[in-house]
Each structure stands twice: as structure tokens, then as C-alpha cells.
């Protein structure tokens, strides 16, 4: 029997099996995707992580942002890596008490960001979180924060004052690099 006929017979006999495998793989990929659009708020994409729900990406064009505290009835606990990167129209951000982590580069180069409210629930501020936020003039880090990463306020050229809360146990030396207007920093005894 020619090999072409054998291959055709094999495929025909195993067609249902192959289609089933493809469907299982496809369903598995779709069910494992962790990035979703929020139908109630089309300005955000969310991710489901080990420790909770986070903001994956901001897609809006607003200037005064209030980060949602819940997604699908569950708390939003993180502002993900580069979630607001290069959102140059944002001037102020209010973070809800459900958020515990502001991840790496979360507000990277948000050049119009002048005001941000960090709640007492936040414990972690990752590297480059506010890198290049050239309109930010002052910052108060609450006592709940224990970790402030490297270059968090790098090149925040309008930053004149910073108050670091008493809970900080790690703060990197590059945290305020190139903050050319900085005249006052209050740091607790660590």
C-alpha cells in the first residue's frame, strides 16, 4: 500500500482524537490566560496573580485617576510592572487601600504626574516606580512601606521634598538619583 494512503487512513481514523487534542490545548491556553479586560471599566486590563489581582495596563486618557479597589468582587492588590508607563496625560493618582504593591516602573515617565496618594496598605514600592515623573513635586511614603527599590524617583526633577515613613527597612542608594530640585528628605532611623 502506498505511504500516502496509509497517512490518509491514519489521519481519518485519528481525526476525532486530533481535533479533541487541539480543542483541549486551545481551551487550556484560554483558561490559563491571566490578562483580562474589565467590562465595567474599559480603561484597565487586569491580571490574576498568586497574591491577587493587579493592574496590568492602563488604556485610558484621563488626567485624574482613581485606581479601582475591586475587580469581579475581589480586591485589586497590585499596580503591575509598567502599568501606567508613558501615560503623559495623568496628573494625579489615588490608590485604594486594597493595594499593597506598586511594582517596577508602574508610573515610569508619567511626566505630568504631579500628585499621588499612597495609602497605608502599600508595603512595597519597586524599582523605577516613579522614574522620570518630572512634574512630581512632593511625596509622602506611609509607615506601612517596608521596601523602596532602586531608582524609584530617578529623574523626578521637580521633586522638592520627600517624607519616608517609619516602616522602611530597605531603601536603595539610587532612590533619589537626578532629583535636582530636592531640598528636603525626612528619613527615619533605620
Protein backbone atom coordinates (compact mmCIF):
# COMPACT_ATOMS: atom_id res chain seq x y z
CA UNK A 1 0.00 0.00 0.00
CA UNK A 2 1.43 3.44 -0.93
CA UNK A 3 2.53 5.61 2.03
CA UNK A 4 0.17 8.46 1.04
CA UNK A 5 -2.85 6.17 1.52
CA UNK A 6 -1.52 4.96 4.88
CA UNK A 7 -1.12 8.54 6.10
CA UNK A 8 -4.64 9.42 4.91
CA UNK A 9 -6.13 6.39 6.67
CA UNK A 10 -4.21 7.20 9.88
CA UNK A 11 -5.47 10.77 9.79
CA UNK A 12 -9.07 9.73 9.09
CA UNK A 13 -9.07 7.17 11.92
CA UNK A 14 -7.49 9.60 14.35
CA UNK A 15 -9.28 12.75 13.19
CA UNK A 16 -11.54 12.89 16.23
CA UNK A 17 -8.58 12.29 18.53
CA UNK A 18 -6.53 15.07 16.89
CA UNK A 19 -9.44 17.53 16.99
CA UNK A 20 -10.01 16.69 20.65
CA UNK A 21 -6.34 17.32 21.49
CA UNK A 22 -6.38 20.64 19.64
CA UNK A 23 -9.55 21.68 21.48
CA UNK A 24 -8.07 20.71 24.87
CA UNK A 25 -4.88 22.64 24.17
CA UNK A 26 -6.83 25.65 22.93
CA UNK A 27 -9.16 25.60 25.94
CA UNK A 28 -6.20 25.17 28.27
CA UNK A 29 -4.44 28.18 26.79
CA UNK A 30 -7.56 30.31 27.02
CA UNK A 31 -8.37 29.26 30.57
CA UNK A 32 -4.80 29.93 31.74
CA UNK A 33 -4.64 33.45 30.32
CA UNK A 34 -4.34 35.81 33.21
CA UNK A 35 -4.92 39.14 31.48
CA UNK A 36 -8.50 40.32 31.15
CA UNK A 37 -10.38 43.42 30.19
CA UNK A 38 -12.78 44.75 32.78
CA UNK A 39 -16.17 45.14 31.14
CA UNK A 40 -17.19 47.66 33.82
CA UNK A 41 -14.09 49.79 33.35
CA UNK A 42 -12.55 49.70 29.89
CA UNK A 43 -9.63 51.89 30.99
CA UNK A 44 -7.81 48.95 32.61
CA UNK A 45 -6.53 45.49 31.87
CA UNK A 46 -6.05 43.24 34.91
CA UNK A 47 -4.01 40.17 35.73
CA UNK A 48 -4.69 37.41 38.21
CA UNK A 49 -1.53 36.59 40.11
CA UNK A 50 -0.53 34.41 43.01
CA UNK A 51 -1.18 37.18 45.53
CA UNK A 52 -4.28 38.69 43.98
CA UNK A 53 -5.49 40.89 41.16
CA UNK A 54 -3.30 43.61 39.70
CA UNK A 55 -3.49 46.38 37.16
CA UNK A 56 -1.72 45.09 34.05
CA UNK A 57 -2.16 48.15 31.86
CA UNK A 58 -3.99 51.45 31.83
CA UNK A 59 -5.59 52.23 28.47
CA UNK A 60 -7.49 55.39 29.37
CA UNK A 61 -6.80 59.01 28.60
CA UNK A 62 -7.95 60.61 31.85
CA UNK A 63 -5.85 63.01 33.88
CA UNK A 64 -7.18 62.42 37.42
CA UNK A 65 -7.05 58.67 38.02
CA UNK A 66 -8.68 56.70 40.81
CA UNK A 67 -7.47 53.12 40.70
CA UNK A 68 -10.35 50.67 41.24
CA UNK A 69 -10.33 48.78 44.55
CA UNK A 70 -12.07 45.68 43.16
CA UNK A 71 -12.33 43.56 40.05
CA UNK A 72 -15.03 40.89 39.88
CA UNK A 73 -15.69 41.41 43.60
CA UNK A 74 -12.06 40.69 44.53
CA UNK A 75 -9.57 43.29 45.77
CA UNK A 76 -7.02 44.86 43.45
CA UNK A 77 -3.77 44.36 45.35
CA UNK A 78 -1.06 45.49 42.92
CA UNK A 79 -0.18 48.07 40.33
CA UNK A 80 1.79 45.90 37.93
CA UNK A 81 5.09 46.41 36.17
CA UNK A 82 4.87 49.40 33.84
CA UNK A 83 1.07 49.53 34.16
CA UNK A 84 0.96 53.30 33.58
CA UNK A 85 4.26 53.64 31.69
CA UNK A 86 4.40 56.74 29.46
CA UNK A 87 0.85 57.86 30.38
CA UNK A 88 1.76 61.50 29.95
CA UNK A 89 -1.80 62.85 30.41
CA UNK A 90 -2.09 61.68 34.03
CA UNK A 91 -1.77 64.50 36.57
CA UNK A 92 -2.97 62.79 39.77
CA UNK A 93 -3.49 59.26 41.04
CA UNK A 94 -5.47 57.99 44.02
CA UNK A 95 -4.61 54.44 45.11
CA UNK A 96 -7.18 52.44 47.14
CA UNK A 97 -6.44 50.76 50.49
CA UNK A 98 -6.58 47.33 48.84
CA UNK A 99 -3.26 47.89 47.04
CA UNK A 100 -0.16 46.51 48.78
CA UNK A 101 2.39 46.70 45.96
CA UNK A 102 3.47 49.34 43.47
CA UNK A 103 5.62 47.29 41.12
CA UNK A 104 8.65 48.07 38.96
CA UNK A 105 8.17 51.06 36.67
CA UNK A 106 4.46 51.31 37.49
CA UNK A 107 4.37 55.06 36.72
CA UNK A 108 7.53 55.19 34.59
CA UNK A 109 7.79 58.51 32.69
CA UNK A 110 4.35 59.80 33.62
CA UNK A 111 5.73 63.26 33.01
CA UNK A 112 2.57 65.19 34.01
CA UNK A 113 2.02 63.29 37.27
CA UNK A 114 2.11 65.98 39.96
CA UNK A 115 0.21 64.30 42.81
CA UNK A 116 -0.09 60.75 44.08
CA UNK A 117 -1.80 59.45 47.20
CA UNK A 118 -0.15 56.28 48.57
CA UNK A 119 -2.32 54.56 51.21
CA UNK A 120 -1.15 52.84 54.41
CA UNK A 121 -1.83 49.45 52.83
CA UNK A 122 1.18 49.66 50.50
CA UNK A 123 4.24 47.75 51.75
CA UNK A 124 6.38 47.55 48.60
CA UNK A 125 7.49 50.13 46.03
CA UNK A 126 9.51 48.51 43.24
CA UNK A 127 12.49 49.80 41.25
CA UNK A 128 11.81 52.71 38.89
CA UNK A 129 8.21 53.04 40.15
CA UNK A 130 8.12 56.82 39.57
CA UNK A 131 11.16 57.11 37.29
CA UNK A 132 11.01 60.27 35.17
CA UNK A 133 7.85 61.72 36.76
CA UNK A 134 9.18 65.20 36.13
CA UNK A 135 6.09 67.07 37.46
CA UNK A 136 6.01 65.33 40.85
CA UNK A 137 6.83 67.97 43.50
CA UNK A 138 6.49 66.09 46.79
CA UNK A 139 5.95 62.58 48.07
CA UNK A 140 4.96 61.04 51.39
CA UNK A 141 5.71 57.35 51.85
CA UNK A 142 3.45 55.91 54.59
CA UNK A 143 4.70 53.93 57.60
CA UNK A 144 3.36 50.70 56.05
CA UNK A 145 6.02 50.69 53.32
CA UNK A 146 8.99 48.47 54.21
CA UNK A 147 10.79 48.34 50.86
CA UNK A 148 11.72 51.17 48.49
CA UNK A 149 13.54 49.93 45.40
CA UNK A 150 16.38 51.38 43.37
CA UNK A 151 15.83 54.49 41.22
CA UNK A 152 12.23 54.84 42.44
CA UNK A 153 12.29 58.64 41.96
CA UNK A 154 15.10 58.79 39.41
CA UNK A 155 15.00 61.98 37.33
CA UNK A 156 12.00 63.45 39.17
CA UNK A 157 13.44 66.88 38.51
CA UNK A 158 10.60 68.86 40.16
CA UNK A 159 10.63 66.83 43.39
CA UNK A 160 11.44 69.23 46.23
CA UNK A 161 10.52 67.19 49.32
CA UNK A 162 10.10 63.60 50.40
CA UNK A 163 8.94 62.12 53.68
CA UNK A 164 9.80 58.47 54.23
CA UNK A 165 7.68 56.57 56.77
CA UNK A 166 8.99 54.77 59.86
CA UNK A 167 8.33 51.27 58.49
CA UNK A 168 11.03 51.36 55.81
CA UNK A 169 13.73 48.76 56.36
CA UNK A 170 15.25 48.80 52.86
CA UNK A 171 15.86 51.90 50.78
CA UNK A 172 18.35 51.84 47.93
CA UNK A 173 21.03 54.48 47.48
CA UNK A 174 19.79 55.40 43.99
CA UNK A 175 16.25 56.17 45.12
CA UNK A 176 16.61 59.94 44.56
CA UNK A 177 19.22 59.99 41.77
CA UNK A 178 18.96 63.06 39.49
CA UNK A 179 16.30 64.75 41.65
CA UNK A 180 17.92 68.12 41.02
CA UNK A 181 15.32 70.21 42.92
CA UNK A 182 15.23 68.04 46.06
CA UNK A 183 15.85 70.20 49.14
CA UNK A 184 14.20 68.20 51.95
CA UNK A 185 14.18 64.49 52.74
CA UNK A 186 12.88 63.10 56.02
CA UNK A 187 14.18 59.58 56.59
CA UNK A 188 13.55 57.57 59.77
CA UNK A 189 16.31 55.98 61.78
CA UNK A 190 16.70 52.55 60.24
